[in-house]
Amino acid sequence: MIGRLRGTLLEKQPPWLVIDVGGVGYELEASMTTLLALPAPSEQVQLYTHLTVREDAHLLYGFAREKERALFRALIKVNGIGPKLALAILSGMEEELFIRCVLEDDVKALTRLPGVGKKTAERLVIEMRDRFPHWSQPGLESQDVMTSGSLSMPQDPRQDAEAALISLGYKPTEASRMLSGLEEGLSTEALIKAALTRKLAG
């Protein structure tokens, strides 16, 4: 099991990134929360990871914080929630807000997440509300494990942001609408964050 990686960030193309560790390039998929915290390529980074082994592929997922990884692992144990939907949930909502929605039975807020309908939201509440009491213990509140640095600016941030939103499960027309009217000159990561924040606010 690969539990953590430390190396040089080579590429960052939401939702994918590549980290060079001793000359080996590890390709990981990450939530937008983690991608927003990443420094520019060529900077040193350290990420918590989760490895999923399938018959046709070995898939590696990266997380800025141990608590985010813990929530990802809890999500994929829920019936009908796979890694892709789990990342979409983590991208659209901070861990603390998600936990609060579950504990308060806020199904309506959860249905604003991509790929989460009413039945899925209800299932999340039912299956996860008893899993959070121990999360306030020290150890799951670890510091951001990545170095600071400026975010890179892709050549076409808006197009990249739209592609990333579509990869999260939003329809092309919906992704375009979410980005419509947002401030010009923002990075891909900033556009994604603004679009998701707007969507979550309803």
C-alpha atoms as a PDB file:
ATOM      1  CA  MET A   1       0.000   0.000   0.000  1.00  0.00           C
ATOM      2  CA  ILE A   2       1.295   3.462  -0.921  1.00  0.00           C
ATOM      3  CA  GLY A   3       0.301   5.750   1.957  1.00  0.00           C
ATOM      4  CA  ARG A   4       2.192   8.951   1.240  1.00  0.00           C
ATOM      5  CA  LEU A   5       4.335  10.490  -1.493  1.00  0.00           C
ATOM      6  CA  ARG A   6       6.950  13.243  -1.318  1.00  0.00           C
ATOM      7  CA  GLY A   7       8.545  14.617  -4.454  1.00  0.00           C
ATOM      8  CA  THR A   8       8.464  17.255  -7.184  1.00  0.00           C
ATOM      9  CA  LEU A   9       5.181  18.308  -8.743  1.00  0.00           C
ATOM     10  CA  LEU A  10       5.600  17.836 -12.488  1.00  0.00           C
ATOM     11  CA  GLU A  11       2.108  18.420 -13.868  1.00  0.00           C
ATOM     12  CA  LYS A  12      -1.213  19.732 -12.604  1.00  0.00           C
ATOM     13  CA  GLN A  13      -4.197  19.349 -14.898  1.00  0.00           C
ATOM     14  CA  PRO A  14      -7.403  19.065 -12.820  1.00  0.00           C
ATOM     15  CA  PRO A  15      -8.331  16.514 -11.678  1.00  0.00           C
ATOM     16  CA  TRP A  16      -4.948  14.910 -12.419  1.00  0.00           C
ATOM     17  CA  LEU A  17      -1.424  15.578 -11.195  1.00  0.00           C
ATOM     18  CA  VAL A  18       1.976  13.927 -11.579  1.00  0.00           C
ATOM     19  CA  ILE A  19       4.629  13.790  -8.853  1.00  0.00           C
ATOM     20  CA  ASP A  20       8.235  12.777  -9.512  1.00  0.00           C
ATOM     21  CA  VAL A  21       9.568  10.621  -6.679  1.00  0.00           C
ATOM     22  CA  GLY A  22      13.148   9.527  -7.215  1.00  0.00           C
ATOM     23  CA  GLY A  23      12.800   9.579 -10.984  1.00  0.00           C
ATOM     24  CA  VAL A  24       9.446   7.747 -11.043  1.00  0.00           C
ATOM     25  CA  GLY A  25       6.404   9.760 -12.103  1.00  0.00           C
ATOM     26  CA  TYR A  26       3.301   8.904 -10.064  1.00  0.00           C
ATOM     27  CA  GLU A  27      -0.001   9.928 -11.635  1.00  0.00           C
ATOM     28  CA  LEU A  28      -2.687  10.728  -9.070  1.00  0.00           C
ATOM     29  CA  GLU A  29      -6.252  11.935  -9.157  1.00  0.00           C
ATOM     30  CA  ALA A  30      -7.186  14.534  -6.549  1.00  0.00           C
ATOM     31  CA  SER A  31     -10.122  16.577  -5.340  1.00  0.00           C
ATOM     32  CA  MET A  32     -10.334  20.258  -6.228  1.00  0.00           C
ATOM     33  CA  THR A  33      -9.742  21.032  -2.557  1.00  0.00           C
ATOM     34  CA  THR A  34      -6.308  19.432  -2.777  1.00  0.00           C
ATOM     35  CA  LEU A  35      -5.536  20.866  -6.212  1.00  0.00           C
ATOM     36  CA  LEU A  36      -6.295  24.384  -4.982  1.00  0.00           C
ATOM     37  CA  ALA A  37      -3.689  23.961  -2.251  1.00  0.00           C
ATOM     38  CA  LEU A  38      -0.969  22.750  -4.615  1.00  0.00           C
ATOM     39  CA  PRO A  39       1.998  24.993  -5.425  1.00  0.00           C
ATOM     40  CA  ALA A  40       3.226  25.588  -8.959  1.00  0.00           C
ATOM     41  CA  PRO A  41       4.901  22.766 -10.915  1.00  0.00           C
ATOM     42  CA  SER A  42       8.574  22.168 -10.012  1.00  0.00           C
ATOM     43  CA  GLU A  43       7.816  22.766  -6.312  1.00  0.00           C
ATOM     44  CA  GLN A  44       8.228  20.038  -3.676  1.00  0.00           C
ATOM     45  CA  VAL A  45       4.988  18.490  -2.407  1.00  0.00           C
ATOM     46  CA  GLN A  46       3.906  15.789   0.000  1.00  0.00           C
ATOM     47  CA  LEU A  47       0.525  14.094  -0.217  1.00  0.00           C
ATOM     48  CA  TYR A  48      -1.391  11.415   1.644  1.00  0.00           C
ATOM     49  CA  THR A  49      -2.491   8.749  -0.816  1.00  0.00           C
ATOM     50  CA  HIS A  50      -4.982   5.936  -1.287  1.00  0.00           C
ATOM     51  CA  LEU A  51      -4.345   3.091  -3.720  1.00  0.00           C
ATOM     52  CA  THR A  52      -7.221   1.269  -5.388  1.00  0.00           C
ATOM     53  CA  VAL A  53      -6.374  -1.994  -7.142  1.00  0.00           C
ATOM     54  CA  ARG A  54      -8.678  -3.228  -9.893  1.00  0.00           C
ATOM     55  CA  GLU A  55      -8.326  -6.008 -12.426  1.00  0.00           C
ATOM     56  CA  ASP A  56      -7.617  -3.513 -15.187  1.00  0.00           C
ATOM     57  CA  ALA A  57      -5.778  -0.737 -13.312  1.00  0.00           C
ATOM     58  CA  HIS A  58      -4.008   0.490 -10.184  1.00  0.00           C
ATOM     59  CA  LEU A  59      -5.435   3.925  -9.325  1.00  0.00           C
ATOM     60  CA  LEU A  60      -3.760   6.348  -6.942  1.00  0.00           C
ATOM     61  CA  TYR A  61      -5.571   9.234  -5.238  1.00  0.00           C
ATOM     62  CA  GLY A  62      -3.867  12.163  -3.494  1.00  0.00           C
ATOM     63  CA  PHE A  63      -5.005  14.287  -0.546  1.00  0.00           C
ATOM     64  CA  ALA A  64      -3.685  17.443   1.089  1.00  0.00           C
ATOM     65  CA  ARG A  65      -4.759  16.371   4.553  1.00  0.00           C
ATOM     66  CA  GLU A  66      -5.123  13.082   6.363  1.00  0.00           C
ATOM     67  CA  LYS A  67      -8.676  14.004   7.319  1.00  0.00           C
ATOM     68  CA  GLU A  68      -9.653  14.405   3.671  1.00  0.00           C
ATOM     69  CA  ARG A  69      -8.271  10.953   2.924  1.00  0.00           C
ATOM     70  CA  ALA A  70     -10.142   9.513   5.904  1.00  0.00           C
ATOM     71  CA  LEU A  71     -13.403  10.981   4.604  1.00  0.00           C
ATOM     72  CA  PHE A  72     -12.685   9.630   1.117  1.00  0.00           C
ATOM     73  CA  ARG A  73     -12.188   6.156   2.581  1.00  0.00           C
ATOM     74  CA  ALA A  74     -15.413   6.465   4.553  1.00  0.00           C
ATOM     75  CA  LEU A  75     -17.322   7.609   1.462  1.00  0.00           C
ATOM     76  CA  ILE A  76     -16.262   4.726  -0.769  1.00  0.00           C
ATOM     77  CA  LYS A  77     -17.594   2.286   1.843  1.00  0.00           C
ATOM     78  CA  VAL A  78     -21.095   3.669   1.315  1.00  0.00           C
ATOM     79  CA  ASN A  79     -23.219   1.578  -1.035  1.00  0.00           C
ATOM     80  CA  GLY A  80     -23.203   3.131  -4.509  1.00  0.00           C
ATOM     81  CA  ILE A  81     -20.363   5.606  -3.844  1.00  0.00           C
ATOM     82  CA  GLY A  82     -17.255   4.965  -5.932  1.00  0.00           C
ATOM     83  CA  PRO A  83     -13.937   6.849  -5.946  1.00  0.00           C
ATOM     84  CA  LYS A  84     -15.035   9.269  -8.691  1.00  0.00           C
ATOM     85  CA  LEU A  85     -18.187  10.332  -6.860  1.00  0.00           C
ATOM     86  CA  ALA A  86     -16.276  10.509  -3.572  1.00  0.00           C
ATOM     87  CA  LEU A  87     -13.792  12.945  -5.156  1.00  0.00           C
ATOM     88  CA  ALA A  88     -16.668  14.979  -6.585  1.00  0.00           C
ATOM     89  CA  ILE A  89     -18.180  15.249  -3.103  1.00  0.00           C
ATOM     90  CA  LEU A  90     -14.836  16.315  -1.609  1.00  0.00           C
ATOM     91  CA  SER A  91     -14.396  18.828  -4.434  1.00  0.00           C
ATOM     92  CA  GLY A  92     -17.774  20.418  -3.884  1.00  0.00           C
ATOM     93  CA  MET A  93     -17.796  20.598  -0.106  1.00  0.00           C
ATOM     94  CA  GLU A  94     -15.192  20.980   2.675  1.00  0.00           C
ATOM     95  CA  GLU A  95     -14.928  18.056   5.093  1.00  0.00           C
ATOM     96  CA  GLU A  96     -16.333  19.993   8.055  1.00  0.00           C
ATOM     97  CA  LEU A  97     -19.358  21.208   6.065  1.00  0.00           C
ATOM     98  CA  PHE A  98     -20.055  17.731   4.732  1.00  0.00           C
ATOM     99  CA  ILE A  99     -19.927  16.271   8.244  1.00  0.00           C
ATOM    100  CA  ARG A 100     -22.291  18.978   9.483  1.00  0.00           C
ATOM    101  CA  CYS A 101     -24.751  18.299   6.654  1.00  0.00           C
ATOM    102  CA  VAL A 102     -24.753  14.599   7.494  1.00  0.00           C
ATOM    103  CA  LEU A 103     -25.158  15.125  11.237  1.00  0.00           C
ATOM    104  CA  GLU A 104     -27.959  17.667  10.666  1.00  0.00           C
ATOM    105  CA  ASP A 105     -29.729  15.503   8.039  1.00  0.00           C
ATOM    106  CA  ASP A 106     -29.354  18.297   5.477  1.00  0.00           C
ATOM    107  CA  VAL A 107     -30.278  16.247   2.423  1.00  0.00           C
ATOM    108  CA  LYS A 108     -31.062  19.346   0.367  1.00  0.00           C
ATOM    109  CA  ALA A 109     -27.494  20.690   0.652  1.00  0.00           C
ATOM    110  CA  LEU A 110     -26.031  17.313  -0.280  1.00  0.00           C
ATOM    111  CA  THR A 111     -28.140  17.094  -3.451  1.00  0.00           C
ATOM    112  CA  ARG A 112     -26.349  20.192  -4.779  1.00  0.00           C
ATOM    113  CA  LEU A 113     -23.211  18.079  -5.172  1.00  0.00           C
ATOM    114  CA  PRO A 114     -22.572  16.589  -8.649  1.00  0.00           C
ATOM    115  CA  GLY A 115     -23.948  13.086  -9.033  1.00  0.00           C
ATOM    116  CA  VAL A 116     -25.789  13.171  -5.700  1.00  0.00           C
ATOM    117  CA  GLY A 117     -29.544  12.797  -6.015  1.00  0.00           C
ATOM    118  CA  LYS A 118     -32.040  12.657  -3.183  1.00  0.00           C
ATOM    119  CA  LYS A 119     -31.747   8.891  -2.644  1.00  0.00           C
ATOM    120  CA  THR A 120     -27.945   9.036  -2.604  1.00  0.00           C
ATOM    121  CA  ALA A 121     -28.013  11.974  -0.193  1.00  0.00           C
ATOM    122  CA  GLU A 122     -30.363  10.102   2.125  1.00  0.00           C
ATOM    123  CA  ARG A 123     -28.107   7.051   1.959  1.00  0.00           C
ATOM    124  CA  LEU A 124     -25.083   9.189   2.859  1.00  0.00           C
ATOM    125  CA  VAL A 125     -26.883  10.558   5.910  1.00  0.00           C
ATOM    126  CA  ILE A 126     -28.078   7.147   7.082  1.00  0.00           C
ATOM    127  CA  GLU A 127     -24.800   5.279   6.558  1.00  0.00           C
ATOM    128  CA  MET A 128     -22.346   7.975   7.672  1.00  0.00           C
ATOM    129  CA  ARG A 129     -23.890   9.881  10.576  1.00  0.00           C
ATOM    130  CA  ASP A 130     -22.499   7.451  13.181  1.00  0.00           C
ATOM    131  CA  ARG A 131     -18.945   7.543  11.796  1.00  0.00           C
ATOM    132  CA  PHE A 132     -17.908  11.056  12.814  1.00  0.00           C
ATOM    133  CA  PRO A 133     -17.789  11.387  16.641  1.00  0.00           C
ATOM    134  CA  HIS A 134     -14.099  10.329  16.829  1.00  0.00           C
ATOM    135  CA  TRP A 135     -12.978  12.709  14.069  1.00  0.00           C
ATOM    136  CA  SER A 136     -12.230  15.522  16.495  1.00  0.00           C
ATOM    137  CA  GLN A 137      -9.309  13.580  17.962  1.00  0.00           C
ATOM    138  CA  PRO A 138      -5.793  14.958  17.361  1.00  0.00           C
ATOM    139  CA  GLY A 139      -4.143  13.095  14.450  1.00  0.00           C
ATOM    140  CA  LEU A 140      -6.974  13.748  12.010  1.00  0.00           C
ATOM    141  CA  GLU A 141      -6.444  17.497  12.262  1.00  0.00           C
ATOM    142  CA  SER A 142      -3.012  17.382  10.682  1.00  0.00           C
ATOM    143  CA  GLN A 143      -1.463  20.393   9.033  1.00  0.00           C
ATOM    144  CA  ASP A 144      -1.469  20.917   5.303  1.00  0.00           C
ATOM    145  CA  VAL A 145       1.392  18.702   4.147  1.00  0.00           C
ATOM    146  CA  MET A 146       2.266  20.663   1.013  1.00  0.00           C
ATOM    147  CA  THR A 147       4.733  23.456   0.552  1.00  0.00           C
ATOM    148  CA  SER A 148       3.525  26.950  -0.233  1.00  0.00           C
ATOM    149  CA  GLY A 149       3.874  28.430  -3.666  1.00  0.00           C
ATOM    150  CA  SER A 150       2.007  30.374  -6.304  1.00  0.00           C
ATOM    151  CA  LEU A 151      -0.566  28.569  -8.421  1.00  0.00           C
ATOM    152  CA  SER A 152       0.293  27.988 -12.032  1.00  0.00           C
ATOM    153  CA  MET A 153      -1.714  29.734 -14.756  1.00  0.00           C
ATOM    154  CA  PRO A 154      -2.693  27.482 -17.665  1.00  0.00           C
ATOM    155  CA  GLN A 155      -3.040  28.933 -21.151  1.00  0.00           C
ATOM    156  CA  ASP A 156      -6.826  28.688 -21.107  1.00  0.00           C
ATOM    157  CA  PRO A 157      -8.000  28.592 -17.471  1.00  0.00           C
ATOM    158  CA  ARG A 158     -11.718  28.830 -18.272  1.00  0.00           C
ATOM    159  CA  GLN A 159     -11.654  25.934 -20.727  1.00  0.00           C
ATOM    160  CA  ASP A 160      -9.615  23.821 -18.308  1.00  0.00           C
ATOM    161  CA  ALA A 161     -12.013  24.694 -15.472  1.00  0.00           C
ATOM    162  CA  GLU A 162     -15.005  23.663 -17.574  1.00  0.00           C
ATOM    163  CA  ALA A 163     -13.320  20.350 -18.464  1.00  0.00           C
ATOM    164  CA  ALA A 164     -12.575  19.717 -14.790  1.00  0.00           C
ATOM    165  CA  LEU A 165     -16.184  20.394 -13.778  1.00  0.00           C
ATOM    166  CA  ILE A 166     -17.400  18.002 -16.466  1.00  0.00           C
ATOM    167  CA  SER A 167     -14.974  15.357 -15.154  1.00  0.00           C
ATOM    168  CA  LEU A 168     -16.604  15.778 -11.743  1.00  0.00           C
ATOM    169  CA  GLY A 169     -19.974  14.801 -13.187  1.00  0.00           C
ATOM    170  CA  TYR A 170     -21.565  18.097 -14.222  1.00  0.00           C
ATOM    171  CA  LYS A 171     -23.136  18.270 -17.687  1.00  0.00           C
ATOM    172  CA  PRO A 172     -21.344  20.541 -20.203  1.00  0.00           C
ATOM    173  CA  THR A 173     -24.189  23.074 -20.262  1.00  0.00           C
ATOM    174  CA  GLU A 174     -24.289  23.142 -16.465  1.00  0.00           C
ATOM    175  CA  ALA A 175     -20.505  23.534 -16.187  1.00  0.00           C
ATOM    176  CA  SER A 176     -20.610  26.424 -18.641  1.00  0.00           C
ATOM    177  CA  ARG A 177     -23.433  28.069 -16.693  1.00  0.00           C
ATOM    178  CA  MET A 178     -21.530  27.679 -13.416  1.00  0.00           C
ATOM    179  CA  LEU A 179     -18.561  29.555 -14.906  1.00  0.00           C
ATOM    180  CA  SER A 180     -20.633  32.228 -16.608  1.00  0.00           C
ATOM    181  CA  GLY A 181     -20.067  35.716 -15.264  1.00  0.00           C
ATOM    182  CA  LEU A 182     -17.090  34.848 -13.081  1.00  0.00           C
ATOM    183  CA  GLU A 183     -14.229  37.323 -12.888  1.00  0.00           C
ATOM    184  CA  GLU A 184     -11.778  37.295 -15.791  1.00  0.00           C
ATOM    185  CA  GLY A 185      -8.105  36.558 -15.211  1.00  0.00           C
ATOM    186  CA  LEU A 186      -8.627  33.892 -12.558  1.00  0.00           C
ATOM    187  CA  SER A 187      -6.590  30.680 -12.549  1.00  0.00           C
ATOM    188  CA  THR A 188      -8.199  27.334 -13.343  1.00  0.00           C
ATOM    189  CA  GLU A 189      -8.263  26.424  -9.649  1.00  0.00           C
ATOM    190  CA  ALA A 190      -9.820  29.755  -8.631  1.00  0.00           C
ATOM    191  CA  LEU A 191     -12.508  29.435 -11.309  1.00  0.00           C
ATOM    192  CA  ILE A 192     -13.370  25.910 -10.177  1.00  0.00           C
ATOM    193  CA  LYS A 193     -13.571  26.967  -6.541  1.00  0.00           C
ATOM    194  CA  ALA A 194     -15.782  29.956  -7.378  1.00  0.00           C
ATOM    195  CA  ALA A 195     -18.066  27.821  -9.553  1.00  0.00           C
ATOM    196  CA  LEU A 196     -18.443  25.133  -6.894  1.00  0.00           C
ATOM    197  CA  THR A 197     -19.067  27.739  -4.186  1.00  0.00           C
ATOM    198  CA  ARG A 198     -21.785  29.337  -6.319  1.00  0.00           C
ATOM    199  CA  LYS A 199     -23.370  25.926  -6.999  1.00  0.00           C
ATOM    200  CA  LEU A 200     -23.336  24.952  -3.333  1.00  0.00           C
ATOM    201  CA  ALA A 201     -24.979  28.260  -2.377  1.00  0.00           C
ATOM    202  CA  GLY A 202     -27.840  27.393  -4.695  1.00  0.00           C
END
